[in-house]
Amino acid sequence: MGQTMKVDLKGSVVIITGAGAGIGKACAKVMLENGAKVIIAEIDKEKGRSAAEDFSTIGTCRFIRTDVTSREDIAILIESVLEEFGRIDVFVNNAGINIGSQRVDIDEFPVEDWNRVLAVDLSGVFNCSQAVSKVMIKQKSGRIVNIGSVLGSVPARKQ
């Protein structure tokens, strides 16, 4: 703990989903400190704008409101980044949700919540990766990073 990543990312264009708070926001800060241009792709406008403002003194940081369950939002995100920066070097799939009902017994877990978690945490990663991979293949370069949580290895109660 307490160590900071030191990697030369000078000029790299990095998109991070769910970067308005938590792990994504911390990743954005470290990447900016290492010279990257960071795009915060966040569904929550207030959190996204706030994070971009917080980091404006560190380096180039933009906020684009993005719902990772919306292929249209993802297309707009990618088009906007390409228009401004001309490329995408790194895409970090970080967006995820933690619904309160995840703390209930498995036999009481609402199917609507299950579907929402899968839409964001699983399909969101697929949607983003599929869309950005087309850009990276065309560029002949790029990296996709997937962030997971310890919750992914914790079973539901009574499981």
N, C-alpha and C. Protein backbone atom coordinates (compact mmCIF):
# COMPACT_ATOMS: atom_id res chain seq x y z
N MET A 1 0.83 -1.19 0.00
CA MET A 1 0.00 0.00 0.00
C MET A 1 0.87 1.25 0.00
N GLY A 2 0.31 2.32 -0.48
CA GLY A 2 1.01 3.58 -0.48
C GLY A 2 1.94 3.77 -1.66
N GLN A 3 2.12 2.75 -2.48
CA GLN A 3 2.98 2.88 -3.64
C GLN A 3 2.19 3.48 -4.80
N THR A 4 2.88 4.26 -5.60
CA THR A 4 2.26 4.88 -6.75
C THR A 4 2.89 4.32 -8.02
N MET A 5 2.05 4.03 -9.00
CA MET A 5 2.53 3.54 -10.28
C MET A 5 3.34 4.62 -10.98
N LYS A 6 4.50 4.27 -11.49
CA LYS A 6 5.32 5.19 -12.27
C LYS A 6 5.55 4.57 -13.65
N VAL A 7 4.76 4.98 -14.60
CA VAL A 7 4.86 4.50 -15.97
C VAL A 7 4.73 5.70 -16.87
N ASP A 8 5.49 5.73 -17.93
CA ASP A 8 5.40 6.86 -18.86
C ASP A 8 4.20 6.65 -19.79
N LEU A 9 3.14 7.38 -19.53
CA LEU A 9 1.95 7.33 -20.37
C LEU A 9 1.78 8.63 -21.15
N LYS A 10 2.85 9.40 -21.24
CA LYS A 10 2.78 10.72 -21.85
C LYS A 10 2.11 10.67 -23.22
N GLY A 11 1.01 11.41 -23.33
CA GLY A 11 0.28 11.52 -24.58
C GLY A 11 -0.69 10.39 -24.86
N SER A 12 -0.66 9.32 -24.06
CA SER A 12 -1.60 8.21 -24.27
C SER A 12 -3.02 8.68 -24.01
N VAL A 13 -3.94 8.18 -24.82
CA VAL A 13 -5.36 8.51 -24.67
C VAL A 13 -6.04 7.33 -23.98
N VAL A 14 -6.58 7.60 -22.80
CA VAL A 14 -7.15 6.54 -21.95
C VAL A 14 -8.60 6.85 -21.63
N ILE A 15 -9.48 5.88 -21.88
CA ILE A 15 -10.89 5.98 -21.48
C ILE A 15 -11.09 5.05 -20.29
N ILE A 16 -11.75 5.56 -19.25
CA ILE A 16 -12.04 4.74 -18.07
C ILE A 16 -13.53 4.84 -17.78
N THR A 17 -14.24 3.70 -17.83
CA THR A 17 -15.66 3.71 -17.49
C THR A 17 -15.81 3.70 -15.97
N GLY A 18 -16.88 4.30 -15.50
CA GLY A 18 -17.14 4.32 -14.07
C GLY A 18 -16.07 5.05 -13.28
N ALA A 19 -15.50 6.10 -13.87
CA ALA A 19 -14.37 6.80 -13.25
C ALA A 19 -14.80 8.01 -12.44
N GLY A 20 -16.07 8.11 -12.12
CA GLY A 20 -16.54 9.23 -11.31
C GLY A 20 -16.27 9.05 -9.82
N ALA A 21 -15.93 7.83 -9.42
CA ALA A 21 -15.70 7.54 -8.01
C ALA A 21 -14.89 6.24 -7.88
N GLY A 22 -14.46 5.96 -6.68
CA GLY A 22 -13.84 4.68 -6.36
C GLY A 22 -12.60 4.33 -7.15
N ILE A 23 -12.51 3.06 -7.53
CA ILE A 23 -11.34 2.53 -8.23
C ILE A 23 -11.11 3.27 -9.54
N GLY A 24 -12.17 3.53 -10.29
CA GLY A 24 -12.03 4.22 -11.57
C GLY A 24 -11.47 5.62 -11.43
N LYS A 25 -11.92 6.34 -10.42
CA LYS A 25 -11.42 7.69 -10.18
C LYS A 25 -9.94 7.64 -9.77
N ALA A 26 -9.59 6.67 -8.95
CA ALA A 26 -8.19 6.51 -8.54
C ALA A 26 -7.31 6.17 -9.75
N CYS A 27 -7.81 5.31 -10.63
CA CYS A 27 -7.07 4.97 -11.85
C CYS A 27 -6.87 6.20 -12.72
N ALA A 28 -7.92 7.01 -12.85
CA ALA A 28 -7.83 8.23 -13.66
C ALA A 28 -6.74 9.15 -13.12
N LYS A 29 -6.70 9.33 -11.81
CA LYS A 29 -5.71 10.21 -11.20
C LYS A 29 -4.28 9.72 -11.46
N VAL A 30 -4.06 8.43 -11.26
CA VAL A 30 -2.72 7.87 -11.46
C VAL A 30 -2.31 7.98 -12.93
N MET A 31 -3.23 7.71 -13.83
CA MET A 31 -2.89 7.80 -15.25
C MET A 31 -2.60 9.23 -15.67
N LEU A 32 -3.36 10.18 -15.15
CA LEU A 32 -3.08 11.59 -15.42
C LEU A 32 -1.72 11.99 -14.88
N GLU A 33 -1.40 11.55 -13.67
CA GLU A 33 -0.11 11.86 -13.06
C GLU A 33 1.06 11.29 -13.86
N ASN A 34 0.77 10.26 -14.65
CA ASN A 34 1.80 9.63 -15.47
C ASN A 34 1.74 10.09 -16.93
N GLY A 35 1.01 11.19 -17.18
CA GLY A 35 1.04 11.83 -18.49
C GLY A 35 -0.06 11.49 -19.47
N ALA A 36 -0.99 10.63 -19.10
CA ALA A 36 -2.07 10.27 -20.02
C ALA A 36 -3.12 11.37 -20.13
N LYS A 37 -3.80 11.36 -21.25
CA LYS A 37 -5.00 12.17 -21.43
C LYS A 37 -6.16 11.23 -21.09
N VAL A 38 -6.98 11.62 -20.12
CA VAL A 38 -7.99 10.71 -19.59
C VAL A 38 -9.40 11.19 -19.89
N ILE A 39 -10.21 10.24 -20.34
CA ILE A 39 -11.63 10.50 -20.56
C ILE A 39 -12.39 9.70 -19.52
N ILE A 40 -13.16 10.41 -18.70
CA ILE A 40 -13.99 9.79 -17.68
C ILE A 40 -15.34 9.48 -18.31
N ALA A 41 -15.62 8.21 -18.51
CA ALA A 41 -16.89 7.75 -19.08
C ALA A 41 -17.75 7.29 -17.91
N GLU A 42 -18.69 8.10 -17.53
CA GLU A 42 -19.45 7.90 -16.28
C GLU A 42 -20.93 8.17 -16.53
N ILE A 43 -21.80 7.35 -15.97
CA ILE A 43 -23.24 7.54 -16.14
C ILE A 43 -23.77 8.68 -15.27
N ASP A 44 -23.15 8.89 -14.12
CA ASP A 44 -23.59 9.93 -13.18
C ASP A 44 -22.94 11.26 -13.56
N LYS A 45 -23.75 12.17 -14.10
CA LYS A 45 -23.22 13.45 -14.58
C LYS A 45 -22.49 14.23 -13.49
N GLU A 46 -23.08 14.27 -12.31
CA GLU A 46 -22.47 15.03 -11.21
C GLU A 46 -21.10 14.47 -10.83
N LYS A 47 -21.02 13.16 -10.67
CA LYS A 47 -19.75 12.53 -10.31
C LYS A 47 -18.71 12.68 -11.43
N GLY A 48 -19.15 12.52 -12.66
CA GLY A 48 -18.24 12.63 -13.79
C GLY A 48 -17.67 14.03 -13.94
N ARG A 49 -18.54 15.03 -13.87
CA ARG A 49 -18.09 16.42 -13.98
C ARG A 49 -17.16 16.78 -12.82
N SER A 50 -17.54 16.35 -11.62
CA SER A 50 -16.74 16.65 -10.44
C SER A 50 -15.34 16.04 -10.55
N ALA A 51 -15.27 14.79 -10.99
CA ALA A 51 -13.96 14.14 -11.13
C ALA A 51 -13.11 14.86 -12.17
N ALA A 52 -13.71 15.21 -13.30
CA ALA A 52 -12.96 15.92 -14.35
C ALA A 52 -12.46 17.27 -13.84
N GLU A 53 -13.28 17.97 -13.07
CA GLU A 53 -12.86 19.25 -12.49
C GLU A 53 -11.74 19.04 -11.48
N ASP A 54 -11.88 18.02 -10.63
CA ASP A 54 -10.85 17.72 -9.63
C ASP A 54 -9.49 17.51 -10.28
N PHE A 55 -9.48 16.91 -11.46
CA PHE A 55 -8.23 16.53 -12.11
C PHE A 55 -7.75 17.53 -13.16
N SER A 56 -8.48 18.60 -13.37
CA SER A 56 -8.15 19.55 -14.45
C SER A 56 -6.77 20.19 -14.27
N THR A 57 -6.28 20.26 -13.04
CA THR A 57 -4.96 20.86 -12.81
C THR A 57 -3.82 19.85 -13.02
N ILE A 58 -4.16 18.57 -13.08
CA ILE A 58 -3.13 17.54 -13.25
C ILE A 58 -2.78 17.35 -14.72
N GLY A 59 -3.80 17.37 -15.57
CA GLY A 59 -3.56 17.13 -17.00
C GLY A 59 -4.86 17.21 -17.78
N THR A 60 -4.82 16.72 -19.01
CA THR A 60 -5.99 16.75 -19.88
C THR A 60 -6.98 15.68 -19.44
N CYS A 61 -8.13 16.14 -18.99
CA CYS A 61 -9.16 15.23 -18.48
C CYS A 61 -10.52 15.70 -18.98
N ARG A 62 -11.26 14.80 -19.60
CA ARG A 62 -12.59 15.11 -20.12
C ARG A 62 -13.61 14.18 -19.48
N PHE A 63 -14.85 14.65 -19.45
CA PHE A 63 -15.97 13.82 -18.98
C PHE A 63 -16.95 13.66 -20.13
N ILE A 64 -17.34 12.42 -20.39
CA ILE A 64 -18.39 12.13 -21.36
C ILE A 64 -19.38 11.19 -20.68
N ARG A 65 -20.61 11.66 -20.55
CA ARG A 65 -21.64 10.84 -19.90
C ARG A 65 -21.87 9.59 -20.75
N THR A 66 -21.72 8.43 -20.11
CA THR A 66 -21.82 7.17 -20.83
C THR A 66 -22.52 6.12 -19.98
N ASP A 67 -23.52 5.48 -20.56
CA ASP A 67 -24.18 4.33 -19.97
C ASP A 67 -23.63 3.11 -20.71
N VAL A 68 -22.88 2.26 -20.03
CA VAL A 68 -22.23 1.13 -20.70
C VAL A 68 -23.22 0.08 -21.18
N THR A 69 -24.48 0.18 -20.77
CA THR A 69 -25.49 -0.74 -21.27
C THR A 69 -26.09 -0.24 -22.58
N SER A 70 -25.71 0.96 -22.99
CA SER A 70 -26.23 1.57 -24.22
C SER A 70 -25.16 1.57 -25.30
N ARG A 71 -25.38 0.76 -26.34
CA ARG A 71 -24.42 0.72 -27.44
C ARG A 71 -24.33 2.08 -28.14
N GLU A 72 -25.43 2.82 -28.14
CA GLU A 72 -25.43 4.17 -28.72
C GLU A 72 -24.52 5.10 -27.92
N ASP A 73 -24.63 5.07 -26.59
CA ASP A 73 -23.75 5.90 -25.75
C ASP A 73 -22.28 5.55 -25.98
N ILE A 74 -21.99 4.26 -26.10
CA ILE A 74 -20.61 3.82 -26.30
C ILE A 74 -20.09 4.32 -27.65
N ALA A 75 -20.92 4.25 -28.67
CA ALA A 75 -20.53 4.74 -30.00
C ALA A 75 -20.24 6.24 -29.95
N ILE A 76 -21.08 6.98 -29.25
CA ILE A 76 -20.88 8.43 -29.11
C ILE A 76 -19.57 8.71 -28.36
N LEU A 77 -19.32 7.96 -27.30
CA LEU A 77 -18.08 8.10 -26.53
C LEU A 77 -16.86 7.92 -27.44
N ILE A 78 -16.84 6.82 -28.15
CA ILE A 78 -15.69 6.50 -29.00
C ILE A 78 -15.53 7.53 -30.12
N GLU A 79 -16.62 7.90 -30.76
CA GLU A 79 -16.56 8.91 -31.83
C GLU A 79 -16.05 10.24 -31.30
N SER A 80 -16.51 10.64 -30.12
CA SER A 80 -16.08 11.91 -29.52
C SER A 80 -14.59 11.91 -29.21
N VAL A 81 -14.12 10.81 -28.66
CA VAL A 81 -12.70 10.71 -28.31
C VAL A 81 -11.84 10.71 -29.57
N LEU A 82 -12.25 9.96 -30.58
CA LEU A 82 -11.50 9.94 -31.83
C LEU A 82 -11.49 11.30 -32.51
N GLU A 83 -12.60 12.00 -32.44
CA GLU A 83 -12.68 13.33 -33.04
C GLU A 83 -11.71 14.30 -32.36
N GLU A 84 -11.64 14.23 -31.02
CA GLU A 84 -10.77 15.17 -30.30
C GLU A 84 -9.30 14.74 -30.28
N PHE A 85 -9.05 13.45 -30.08
CA PHE A 85 -7.68 12.99 -29.86
C PHE A 85 -7.09 12.15 -31.00
N GLY A 86 -7.93 11.63 -31.88
CA GLY A 86 -7.44 10.88 -33.03
C GLY A 86 -7.13 9.42 -32.81
N ARG A 87 -7.18 8.98 -31.58
CA ARG A 87 -6.89 7.57 -31.28
C ARG A 87 -7.34 7.22 -29.87
N ILE A 88 -7.32 5.93 -29.57
CA ILE A 88 -7.59 5.43 -28.21
C ILE A 88 -6.49 4.41 -27.92
N ASP A 89 -5.69 4.68 -26.91
CA ASP A 89 -4.58 3.79 -26.57
C ASP A 89 -4.95 2.75 -25.52
N VAL A 90 -5.76 3.15 -24.56
CA VAL A 90 -6.14 2.25 -23.47
C VAL A 90 -7.61 2.45 -23.17
N PHE A 91 -8.32 1.35 -22.98
CA PHE A 91 -9.72 1.40 -22.57
C PHE A 91 -9.85 0.56 -21.30
N VAL A 92 -10.29 1.19 -20.22
CA VAL A 92 -10.42 0.49 -18.93
C VAL A 92 -11.90 0.26 -18.64
N ASN A 93 -12.29 -1.02 -18.66
CA ASN A 93 -13.65 -1.41 -18.28
C ASN A 93 -13.70 -1.49 -16.76
N ASN A 94 -14.24 -0.46 -16.14
CA ASN A 94 -14.28 -0.39 -14.69
C ASN A 94 -15.70 -0.27 -14.15
N ALA A 95 -16.64 0.20 -14.97
CA ALA A 95 -18.00 0.44 -14.49
C ALA A 95 -18.60 -0.85 -13.91
N GLY A 96 -19.24 -0.70 -12.78
CA GLY A 96 -19.90 -1.83 -12.13
C GLY A 96 -20.88 -1.31 -11.10
N ILE A 97 -21.83 -2.14 -10.76
CA ILE A 97 -22.82 -1.71 -9.77
C ILE A 97 -22.89 -2.70 -8.63
N ASN A 98 -23.28 -2.18 -7.49
CA ASN A 98 -23.48 -2.98 -6.28
C ASN A 98 -24.86 -2.64 -5.77
N ILE A 99 -25.79 -3.51 -6.05
CA ILE A 99 -27.18 -3.29 -5.67
C ILE A 99 -27.40 -3.82 -4.26
N GLY A 100 -28.12 -3.07 -3.46
CA GLY A 100 -28.37 -3.44 -2.07
C GLY A 100 -28.92 -4.84 -1.90
N SER A 101 -29.72 -5.29 -2.86
CA SER A 101 -30.31 -6.62 -2.73
C SER A 101 -29.27 -7.73 -2.86
N GLN A 102 -28.05 -7.39 -3.25
CA GLN A 102 -27.00 -8.40 -3.31
C GLN A 102 -26.65 -8.90 -1.91
N ARG A 103 -27.13 -8.21 -0.91
CA ARG A 103 -26.87 -8.62 0.46
C ARG A 103 -28.01 -9.46 1.05
N VAL A 104 -28.96 -9.84 0.23
CA VAL A 104 -30.06 -10.67 0.72
C VAL A 104 -29.78 -12.12 0.37
N ASP A 105 -30.55 -13.01 0.95
CA ASP A 105 -30.42 -14.42 0.64
C ASP A 105 -30.72 -14.66 -0.84
N ILE A 106 -30.04 -15.63 -1.43
CA ILE A 106 -30.18 -15.91 -2.85
C ILE A 106 -31.63 -16.20 -3.24
N ASP A 107 -32.37 -16.83 -2.36
CA ASP A 107 -33.76 -17.16 -2.69
C ASP A 107 -34.68 -15.94 -2.66
N GLU A 108 -34.16 -14.81 -2.20
CA GLU A 108 -34.95 -13.58 -2.15
C GLU A 108 -34.41 -12.51 -3.11
N PHE A 109 -33.39 -12.85 -3.86
CA PHE A 109 -32.76 -11.88 -4.75
C PHE A 109 -33.69 -11.58 -5.93
N PRO A 110 -34.07 -10.31 -6.13
CA PRO A 110 -35.01 -9.97 -7.21
C PRO A 110 -34.37 -10.17 -8.60
N VAL A 111 -35.09 -10.82 -9.49
CA VAL A 111 -34.58 -11.09 -10.83
C VAL A 111 -34.29 -9.80 -11.59
N GLU A 112 -35.04 -8.74 -11.30
CA GLU A 112 -34.79 -7.45 -11.96
C GLU A 112 -33.39 -6.93 -11.59
N ASP A 113 -33.01 -7.10 -10.33
CA ASP A 113 -31.69 -6.66 -9.88
C ASP A 113 -30.60 -7.52 -10.52
N TRP A 114 -30.86 -8.83 -10.60
CA TRP A 114 -29.92 -9.74 -11.25
C TRP A 114 -29.66 -9.29 -12.69
N ASN A 115 -30.73 -9.01 -13.41
CA ASN A 115 -30.61 -8.59 -14.81
C ASN A 115 -29.85 -7.27 -14.94
N ARG A 116 -30.06 -6.35 -14.01
CA ARG A 116 -29.38 -5.06 -14.05
C ARG A 116 -27.87 -5.23 -13.79
N VAL A 117 -27.53 -6.05 -12.81
CA VAL A 117 -26.12 -6.31 -12.52
C VAL A 117 -25.43 -6.92 -13.75
N LEU A 118 -26.07 -7.91 -14.36
CA LEU A 118 -25.48 -8.53 -15.55
C LEU A 118 -25.36 -7.54 -16.70
N ALA A 119 -26.35 -6.68 -16.86
CA ALA A 119 -26.32 -5.69 -17.95
C ALA A 119 -25.13 -4.75 -17.81
N VAL A 120 -24.88 -4.28 -16.60
CA VAL A 120 -23.77 -3.34 -16.39
C VAL A 120 -22.43 -4.08 -16.29
N ASP A 121 -22.35 -5.04 -15.39
CA ASP A 121 -21.07 -5.67 -15.05
C ASP A 121 -20.56 -6.66 -16.09
N LEU A 122 -21.44 -7.25 -16.87
CA LEU A 122 -21.02 -8.24 -17.86
C LEU A 122 -21.23 -7.73 -19.29
N SER A 123 -22.47 -7.40 -19.62
CA SER A 123 -22.75 -6.92 -20.98
C SER A 123 -22.07 -5.59 -21.25
N GLY A 124 -21.95 -4.74 -20.23
CA GLY A 124 -21.26 -3.47 -20.41
C GLY A 124 -19.82 -3.66 -20.84
N VAL A 125 -19.14 -4.62 -20.24
CA VAL A 125 -17.76 -4.92 -20.60
C VAL A 125 -17.70 -5.42 -22.05
N PHE A 126 -18.62 -6.30 -22.40
CA PHE A 126 -18.67 -6.82 -23.77
C PHE A 126 -18.94 -5.70 -24.77
N ASN A 127 -19.96 -4.89 -24.50
CA ASN A 127 -20.33 -3.80 -25.41
C ASN A 127 -19.15 -2.86 -25.65
N CYS A 128 -18.50 -2.45 -24.58
CA CYS A 128 -17.37 -1.51 -24.69
C CYS A 128 -16.19 -2.16 -25.41
N SER A 129 -15.86 -3.38 -25.02
CA SER A 129 -14.71 -4.07 -25.61
C SER A 129 -14.92 -4.32 -27.10
N GLN A 130 -16.13 -4.71 -27.47
CA GLN A 130 -16.42 -4.96 -28.88
C GLN A 130 -16.27 -3.68 -29.70
N ALA A 131 -16.82 -2.59 -29.18
CA ALA A 131 -16.77 -1.32 -29.91
C ALA A 131 -15.35 -0.77 -30.02
N VAL A 132 -14.62 -0.76 -28.92
CA VAL A 132 -13.27 -0.16 -28.95
C VAL A 132 -12.27 -1.08 -29.66
N SER A 133 -12.51 -2.39 -29.65
CA SER A 133 -11.57 -3.30 -30.33
C SER A 133 -11.51 -3.01 -31.83
N LYS A 134 -12.61 -2.58 -32.41
CA LYS A 134 -12.62 -2.24 -33.84
C LYS A 134 -11.66 -1.09 -34.12
N VAL A 135 -11.65 -0.11 -33.23
CA VAL A 135 -10.74 1.03 -33.36
C VAL A 135 -9.30 0.57 -33.19
N MET A 136 -9.05 -0.24 -32.17
CA MET A 136 -7.69 -0.67 -31.87
C MET A 136 -7.13 -1.58 -32.96
N ILE A 137 -7.98 -2.41 -33.55
CA ILE A 137 -7.54 -3.26 -34.66
C ILE A 137 -7.14 -2.38 -35.84
N LYS A 138 -7.95 -1.39 -36.13
CA LYS A 138 -7.65 -0.46 -37.23
C LYS A 138 -6.35 0.31 -36.96
N GLN A 139 -6.14 0.72 -35.70
CA GLN A 139 -4.92 1.44 -35.31
C GLN A 139 -3.69 0.54 -35.26
N LYS A 140 -3.95 -0.78 -35.17
CA LYS A 140 -2.90 -1.78 -34.96
C LYS A 140 -2.21 -1.61 -33.61
N SER A 141 -2.95 -1.05 -32.66
CA SER A 141 -2.42 -0.90 -31.30
C SER A 141 -3.56 -0.58 -30.33
N GLY A 142 -3.28 -0.80 -29.06
CA GLY A 142 -4.25 -0.49 -28.02
C GLY A 142 -4.33 -1.59 -26.99
N ARG A 143 -4.82 -1.23 -25.82
CA ARG A 143 -4.96 -2.17 -24.71
C ARG A 143 -6.33 -2.03 -24.07
N ILE A 144 -6.94 -3.15 -23.74
CA ILE A 144 -8.20 -3.15 -22.99
C ILE A 144 -7.89 -3.76 -21.63
N VAL A 145 -8.26 -3.04 -20.58
CA VAL A 145 -8.03 -3.49 -19.20
C VAL A 145 -9.38 -3.69 -18.54
N ASN A 146 -9.59 -4.85 -17.94
CA ASN A 146 -10.84 -5.13 -17.24
C ASN A 146 -10.59 -5.16 -15.74
N ILE A 147 -11.36 -4.34 -15.03
CA ILE A 147 -11.24 -4.27 -13.57
C ILE A 147 -12.35 -5.11 -12.95
N GLY A 148 -12.00 -5.92 -11.98
CA GLY A 148 -12.97 -6.72 -11.26
C GLY A 148 -12.96 -6.34 -9.80
N SER A 149 -13.88 -6.89 -9.07
CA SER A 149 -14.00 -6.60 -7.65
C SER A 149 -13.97 -7.89 -6.86
N VAL A 150 -13.59 -7.78 -5.62
CA VAL A 150 -13.61 -8.94 -4.73
C VAL A 150 -15.04 -9.49 -4.60
N LEU A 151 -16.04 -8.65 -4.83
CA LEU A 151 -17.43 -9.13 -4.78
C LEU A 151 -17.69 -10.22 -5.81
N GLY A 152 -16.89 -10.24 -6.88
CA GLY A 152 -17.05 -11.26 -7.90
C GLY A 152 -16.72 -12.65 -7.41
N SER A 153 -16.02 -12.76 -6.30
CA SER A 153 -15.66 -14.07 -5.77
C SER A 153 -16.35 -14.38 -4.44
N VAL A 154 -17.29 -13.52 -4.07
CA VAL A 154 -18.03 -13.73 -2.82
C VAL A 154 -19.40 -14.31 -3.16
N PRO A 155 -19.71 -15.51 -2.67
CA PRO A 155 -21.01 -16.10 -3.00
C PRO A 155 -22.16 -15.37 -2.30
N ALA A 156 -23.33 -15.46 -2.92
CA ALA A 156 -24.52 -14.92 -2.28
C ALA A 156 -24.82 -15.74 -1.03
N ARG A 157 -25.56 -15.15 -0.13
CA ARG A 157 -25.92 -15.88 1.09
C ARG A 157 -26.73 -17.12 0.73
N LYS A 158 -26.57 -18.17 1.51
CA LYS A 158 -27.23 -19.46 1.33
C LYS A 158 -26.84 -20.15 0.03
N GLN A 159 -25.70 -19.80 -0.53
CA GLN A 159 -25.29 -20.42 -1.78
C GLN A 159 -24.25 -21.47 -1.50
